[in-house]
C-alpha cells in the first residue's frame, strides 16, 4: 500500500509527488469530488469536505502504540489509576471495564480513512471484530479499496490465509460522506480530524451525540467538541502521534459518560 500511495502522498491537497518528495506548483486545481477555489497567491483551498488541508497519515508505529494503549485502557494498572480515569469513575460511577478496552469483540470505524491503513491495521493487528473506513475523496477511497482487494486476492507471499480472510470478511472500506453516515454504531470511533473544518466537526458532533460508541479517539481538544455541542464525553488520556510527514500531534482519548452508554 505504501508503494501504491507514494505518488499521491502529501501534507496538503495541492501536493503531488514525482520521484523525490518535492512540492509542485499547484496553480489552479479542483478537488476530485467537489469544485474548489484555489488562490494562486496563497494556495488555499476553499472546500467543505473534499480536500483536507494538512493531509497526512499517522506512522505504523504510532497507530500500533495507540492500539496497544486502547487494549489495556482500563486494565493497565498505571492507566487505570490515572487522575483522568479516576475523575471519570468519580463523575460517572460507571464500571471502567464496560467494553472500553479494544478487544476481538470491538468494532472500529475510521472517519476520513484515507488509504485505509489504520482500518486494516485495526483488523489485522488489533483483530477487532469489524473495521470500517469512510473516505470522502474518491481517489483515496478507490486506492484503498484497490489495495485491500489486491491483498486479499493477490499472490503476496506475506499474506497468510487468516489475514486474507480477516480483510475479506471483517474489513470494509467505503467512499462516502461520513457527515451523512448516520449513527456510528461502533464501540471505537477514530478520526484524524486535525484537518477537519468547523462545519464538518459540527455535523460530526451532532452524529456522535446520537451514536452508541464507547471510545472516541480525536485530535481535537475536548473544548472544541463541547463548543460544537458534544457534551457526553470525558477525556481519559492522550498520546503523542507522529505523521509520515514528520509532524507530531496529540491524539485525545475520550469515553462516553455512563448515562449515555448503551448496554
Protein backbone atom coordinates (compact mmCIF):
# COMPACT_ATOMS: atom_id res chain seq x y z
CA UNK A 1 0.00 0.00 0.00
CA UNK A 2 2.89 2.35 0.71
CA UNK A 3 4.13 1.75 -2.82
CA UNK A 4 0.70 2.35 -4.31
CA UNK A 5 0.09 5.58 -2.42
CA UNK A 6 3.57 7.08 -2.70
CA UNK A 7 2.76 9.25 -5.71
CA UNK A 8 -0.35 10.62 -4.01
CA UNK A 9 1.36 11.31 -0.70
CA UNK A 10 1.22 14.84 0.62
CA UNK A 11 0.74 17.08 3.61
CA UNK A 12 -1.73 19.26 1.76
CA UNK A 13 -4.17 18.53 -1.03
CA UNK A 14 -2.14 20.50 -3.57
CA UNK A 15 0.98 18.39 -3.05
CA UNK A 16 1.79 15.73 -5.61
CA UNK A 17 4.97 13.74 -5.80
CA UNK A 18 7.05 12.55 -8.72
CA UNK A 19 10.16 10.73 -7.62
CA UNK A 20 11.61 12.55 -4.57
CA UNK A 21 9.06 14.31 -2.41
CA UNK A 22 9.11 17.85 -3.79
CA UNK A 23 6.29 20.33 -3.93
CA UNK A 24 4.94 21.08 -7.38
CA UNK A 25 3.37 24.44 -8.19
CA UNK A 26 -0.37 23.72 -7.83
CA UNK A 27 -1.66 26.60 -9.95
CA UNK A 28 -5.42 26.32 -10.40
CA UNK A 29 -6.93 22.96 -9.47
CA UNK A 30 -10.07 21.42 -8.13
CA UNK A 31 -10.95 18.60 -5.79
CA UNK A 32 -11.75 15.20 -7.18
CA UNK A 33 -15.32 15.24 -5.92
CA UNK A 34 -16.12 18.84 -5.29
CA UNK A 35 -15.23 22.11 -7.06
CA UNK A 36 -12.73 24.16 -5.10
CA UNK A 37 -11.46 27.70 -5.40
CA UNK A 38 -7.69 27.91 -5.05
CA UNK A 39 -5.76 31.15 -4.68
CA UNK A 40 -2.55 31.27 -6.72
CA UNK A 41 -1.01 33.62 -4.19
CA UNK A 42 -1.87 31.67 -1.05
CA UNK A 43 -2.51 28.17 -2.38
CA UNK A 44 -5.54 27.86 -0.13
CA UNK A 45 -8.38 25.52 -0.91
CA UNK A 46 -11.95 26.58 -0.22
CA UNK A 47 -13.83 23.31 0.03
CA UNK A 48 -16.20 21.95 2.68
CA UNK A 49 -15.09 18.33 2.98
CA UNK A 50 -13.35 17.20 -0.18
CA UNK A 51 -9.77 18.41 0.23
CA UNK A 52 -8.14 18.07 3.62
CA UNK A 53 -5.64 20.80 4.35
CA UNK A 54 -2.71 19.37 6.26
CA UNK A 55 -3.47 15.89 4.96
CA UNK A 56 -1.12 13.20 6.21
CA UNK A 57 -1.14 9.74 7.75
CA UNK A 58 -0.01 8.50 11.11
CA UNK A 59 3.00 6.20 11.10
CA UNK A 60 2.53 2.48 11.59
CA UNK A 61 4.41 2.66 14.90
CA UNK A 62 2.16 5.42 16.26
CA UNK A 63 -1.02 3.54 15.36
CA UNK A 64 0.29 0.31 16.89
CA UNK A 65 1.17 2.17 20.10
CA UNK A 66 -2.33 3.67 20.18
CA UNK A 67 -3.99 0.28 19.74
CA UNK A 68 -1.81 -1.26 22.46
CA UNK A 69 -2.90 1.55 24.77
CA UNK A 70 -6.57 1.03 23.89
CA UNK A 71 -6.35 -2.71 24.56
CA UNK A 72 -5.47 -2.01 28.21
CA UNK A 73 -7.25 1.33 28.59
CA UNK A 74 -8.93 0.37 31.87
CA UNK A 75 -6.96 -2.71 32.96
CA UNK A 76 -3.38 -1.44 32.84
CA UNK A 77 -2.58 -0.52 36.44
CA UNK A 78 -0.75 2.72 35.61
CA UNK A 79 -3.51 3.82 33.25
CA UNK A 80 -6.44 2.79 35.44
CA UNK A 81 -5.05 4.74 38.37
CA UNK A 82 -4.52 7.92 36.37
CA UNK A 83 -6.19 11.08 37.58
CA UNK A 84 -8.25 11.33 34.38
CA UNK A 85 -9.75 7.86 34.77
CA UNK A 86 -10.22 8.38 38.50
CA UNK A 87 -12.10 11.57 37.71
CA UNK A 88 -14.23 9.65 35.21
CA UNK A 89 -15.00 6.97 37.79
CA UNK A 90 -15.97 9.57 40.37
CA UNK A 91 -18.03 11.56 37.90
CA UNK A 92 -19.94 8.66 36.38
CA UNK A 93 -19.89 5.82 38.89
CA UNK A 94 -19.69 3.52 35.85
CA UNK A 95 -17.62 0.29 35.64
CA UNK A 96 -14.42 1.18 33.81
CA UNK A 97 -14.20 -2.19 32.06
CA UNK A 98 -17.57 -1.93 30.33
CA UNK A 99 -16.41 -2.63 26.78
CA UNK A 100 -13.94 0.26 26.74
CA UNK A 101 -10.86 -1.86 26.12
CA UNK A 102 -10.25 -2.69 22.47
CA UNK A 103 -10.76 -6.46 22.13
CA UNK A 104 -11.66 -9.01 19.47
CA UNK A 105 -15.30 -8.13 20.18
CA UNK A 106 -14.80 -4.42 19.47
CA UNK A 107 -15.97 -2.65 16.34
CA UNK A 108 -13.94 0.18 14.85
CA UNK A 109 -14.59 2.99 12.38
CA UNK A 110 -12.12 5.47 10.92
CA UNK A 111 -13.84 8.67 9.78
CA UNK A 112 -11.79 10.12 6.95
CA UNK A 113 -9.89 6.87 6.43
CA UNK A 114 -7.67 7.99 3.55
CA UNK A 115 -5.88 4.99 2.06
CA UNK A 116 -7.31 2.63 4.68
CA UNK A 117 -4.11 1.83 6.53
CA UNK A 118 -5.49 2.45 10.03
CA UNK A 119 -8.60 0.39 9.25
CA UNK A 120 -6.60 -2.61 8.04
CA UNK A 121 -4.20 -2.21 10.95
CA UNK A 122 -7.17 -2.38 13.35
CA UNK A 123 -8.38 -5.57 11.71
CA UNK A 124 -5.04 -7.35 11.30
CA UNK A 125 -3.16 -6.21 14.41
CA UNK A 126 -5.83 -5.35 16.99
CA UNK A 127 -8.01 -8.12 15.49
CA UNK A 128 -11.27 -6.26 16.09
CA UNK A 129 -14.48 -7.97 15.03
CA UNK A 130 -15.24 -5.31 12.43
CA UNK A 131 -13.23 -2.42 10.97
CA UNK A 132 -14.78 0.17 8.66
CA UNK A 133 -13.32 3.21 6.92
CA UNK A 134 -15.24 6.07 5.30
CA UNK A 135 -13.31 8.42 2.99
CA UNK A 136 -14.75 11.48 1.23
CA UNK A 137 -12.14 11.88 -1.53
CA UNK A 138 -12.92 9.40 -4.29
CA UNK A 139 -9.32 8.88 -5.45
CA UNK A 140 -8.14 7.95 -1.96
CA UNK A 141 -11.10 5.66 -1.33
CA UNK A 142 -10.60 3.93 -4.69
CA UNK A 143 -6.92 3.35 -3.98
CA UNK A 144 -7.75 1.98 -0.52
CA UNK A 145 -10.32 -0.45 -1.92
CA UNK A 146 -7.97 -1.50 -4.74
CA UNK A 147 -5.12 -2.11 -2.31
CA UNK A 148 -7.30 -4.16 0.03
CA UNK A 149 -8.56 -6.29 -2.86
CA UNK A 150 -5.00 -6.87 -4.04
CA UNK A 151 -4.00 -8.03 -0.57
CA UNK A 152 -7.00 -10.35 -0.34
CA UNK A 153 -6.94 -11.82 -3.83
CA UNK A 154 -3.34 -11.21 -4.95
CA UNK A 155 -0.38 -13.53 -4.64
CA UNK A 156 1.65 -11.75 -1.97
CA UNK A 157 3.68 -14.29 -0.03
CA UNK A 158 3.44 -12.28 3.21
CA UNK A 159 -0.38 -12.56 3.26
CA UNK A 160 -1.50 -15.61 5.25
CA UNK A 161 -4.85 -17.29 4.72
CA UNK A 162 -6.02 -15.91 8.08
CA UNK A 163 -5.05 -12.37 7.08
CA UNK A 164 -6.83 -12.67 3.74
CA UNK A 165 -9.95 -13.96 5.48
CA UNK A 166 -9.85 -11.17 8.07
CA UNK A 167 -9.73 -8.46 5.41
CA UNK A 168 -12.32 -10.15 3.23
CA UNK A 169 -14.90 -10.72 5.97
CA UNK A 170 -14.44 -8.03 8.61
CA UNK A 171 -12.87 -5.06 6.85
CA UNK A 172 -14.92 -2.59 4.79
CA UNK A 173 -13.57 0.50 3.05
CA UNK A 174 -16.14 2.93 1.64
CA UNK A 175 -16.26 6.08 -0.44
CA UNK A 176 -18.76 8.46 1.13
CA UNK A 177 -19.51 11.48 3.26
CA UNK A 178 -19.22 10.49 6.92
CA UNK A 179 -21.27 13.53 7.94
CA UNK A 180 -24.24 11.78 6.29
CA UNK A 181 -23.46 8.32 7.64
CA UNK A 182 -25.99 8.42 10.45
CA UNK A 183 -25.33 6.85 13.84
CA UNK A 184 -21.85 5.41 14.32
CA UNK A 185 -22.77 2.03 15.77
CA UNK A 186 -19.21 1.10 16.72
CA UNK A 187 -17.50 0.68 20.07
CA UNK A 188 -14.46 2.68 18.94
CA UNK A 189 -14.52 5.76 16.71
CA UNK A 190 -11.23 7.12 15.33
CA UNK A 191 -10.68 10.23 13.26
CA UNK A 192 -7.64 12.21 12.21
CA UNK A 193 -9.74 15.34 12.50
CA UNK A 194 -6.94 17.84 12.91
CA UNK A 195 -7.66 18.86 9.32
CA UNK A 196 -11.48 18.95 9.52
CA UNK A 197 -13.31 22.25 9.05
CA UNK A 198 -15.55 23.69 11.77
CA UNK A 199 -18.65 22.88 9.71
CA UNK A 200 -17.55 19.23 9.39
CA UNK A 201 -16.84 18.99 13.13
CA UNK A 202 -20.24 20.47 13.88
CA UNK A 203 -22.01 17.84 11.77
CA UNK A 204 -19.93 15.03 13.25
CA UNK A 205 -20.58 16.25 16.80
CA UNK A 206 -24.31 16.02 16.16
CA UNK A 207 -23.98 12.45 14.87
CA UNK A 208 -21.66 11.38 17.68
CA UNK A 209 -24.15 12.72 20.19
CA UNK A 210 -26.70 10.22 18.87
CA UNK A 211 -24.25 7.32 18.50
CA UNK A 212 -23.71 4.40 20.91
CA UNK A 213 -19.89 4.45 20.79
CA UNK A 214 -17.81 3.84 23.93
CA UNK A 215 -14.42 5.32 23.00
CA UNK A 216 -13.60 8.27 20.73
CA UNK A 217 -10.06 8.99 19.52
CA UNK A 218 -9.73 12.52 18.19
CA UNK A 219 -7.01 15.10 17.56
CA UNK A 220 -9.31 17.89 18.78
CA UNK A 221 -9.38 19.07 22.38
CA UNK A 222 -12.48 18.42 24.45
CA UNK A 223 -13.20 22.16 24.49
CA UNK A 224 -13.62 22.06 20.72
CA UNK A 225 -16.10 19.19 20.90
CA UNK A 226 -18.06 20.90 23.66
CA UNK A 227 -18.18 24.09 21.61
CA UNK A 228 -19.78 22.05 18.84
CA UNK A 229 -22.33 20.54 21.21
CA UNK A 230 -20.77 17.17 22.08
CA UNK A 231 -21.01 17.21 25.87
CA UNK A 232 -21.37 13.49 26.57
CA UNK A 233 -17.67 12.63 26.69
CA UNK A 234 -14.87 12.67 29.27
CA UNK A 235 -11.17 12.79 28.43
CA UNK A 236 -9.23 9.83 29.86
CA UNK A 237 -5.87 10.13 28.17
CA UNK A 238 -3.70 11.43 25.36
CA UNK A 239 -0.88 10.02 23.22
CA UNK A 240 1.69 11.81 21.10
CA UNK A 241 1.39 10.62 17.49
CA UNK A 242 3.73 11.13 14.56
CA UNK A 243 2.74 11.51 10.89
CA UNK A 244 4.51 10.18 7.82
CA UNK A 245 5.44 13.81 7.11
CA UNK A 246 7.31 14.14 10.39
CA UNK A 247 4.68 16.19 12.21
CA UNK A 248 3.68 15.41 15.79
CA UNK A 249 0.14 15.72 17.16
CA UNK A 250 -1.68 14.59 20.28
CA UNK A 251 -4.46 12.04 19.98
CA UNK A 252 -7.01 12.53 22.76
CA UNK A 253 -8.94 9.55 24.11
CA UNK A 254 -12.50 10.18 25.27
CA UNK A 255 -15.08 7.83 26.73
CA UNK A 256 -18.82 8.38 26.75
CA UNK A 257 -20.38 9.27 30.06
CA UNK A 258 -22.18 6.42 31.79
CA UNK A 259 -25.74 7.61 31.50
CA UNK A 260 -25.40 7.91 27.74
CA UNK A 261 -23.94 4.44 27.16
CA UNK A 262 -25.91 1.57 25.63
CA UNK A 263 -25.53 -1.72 27.45
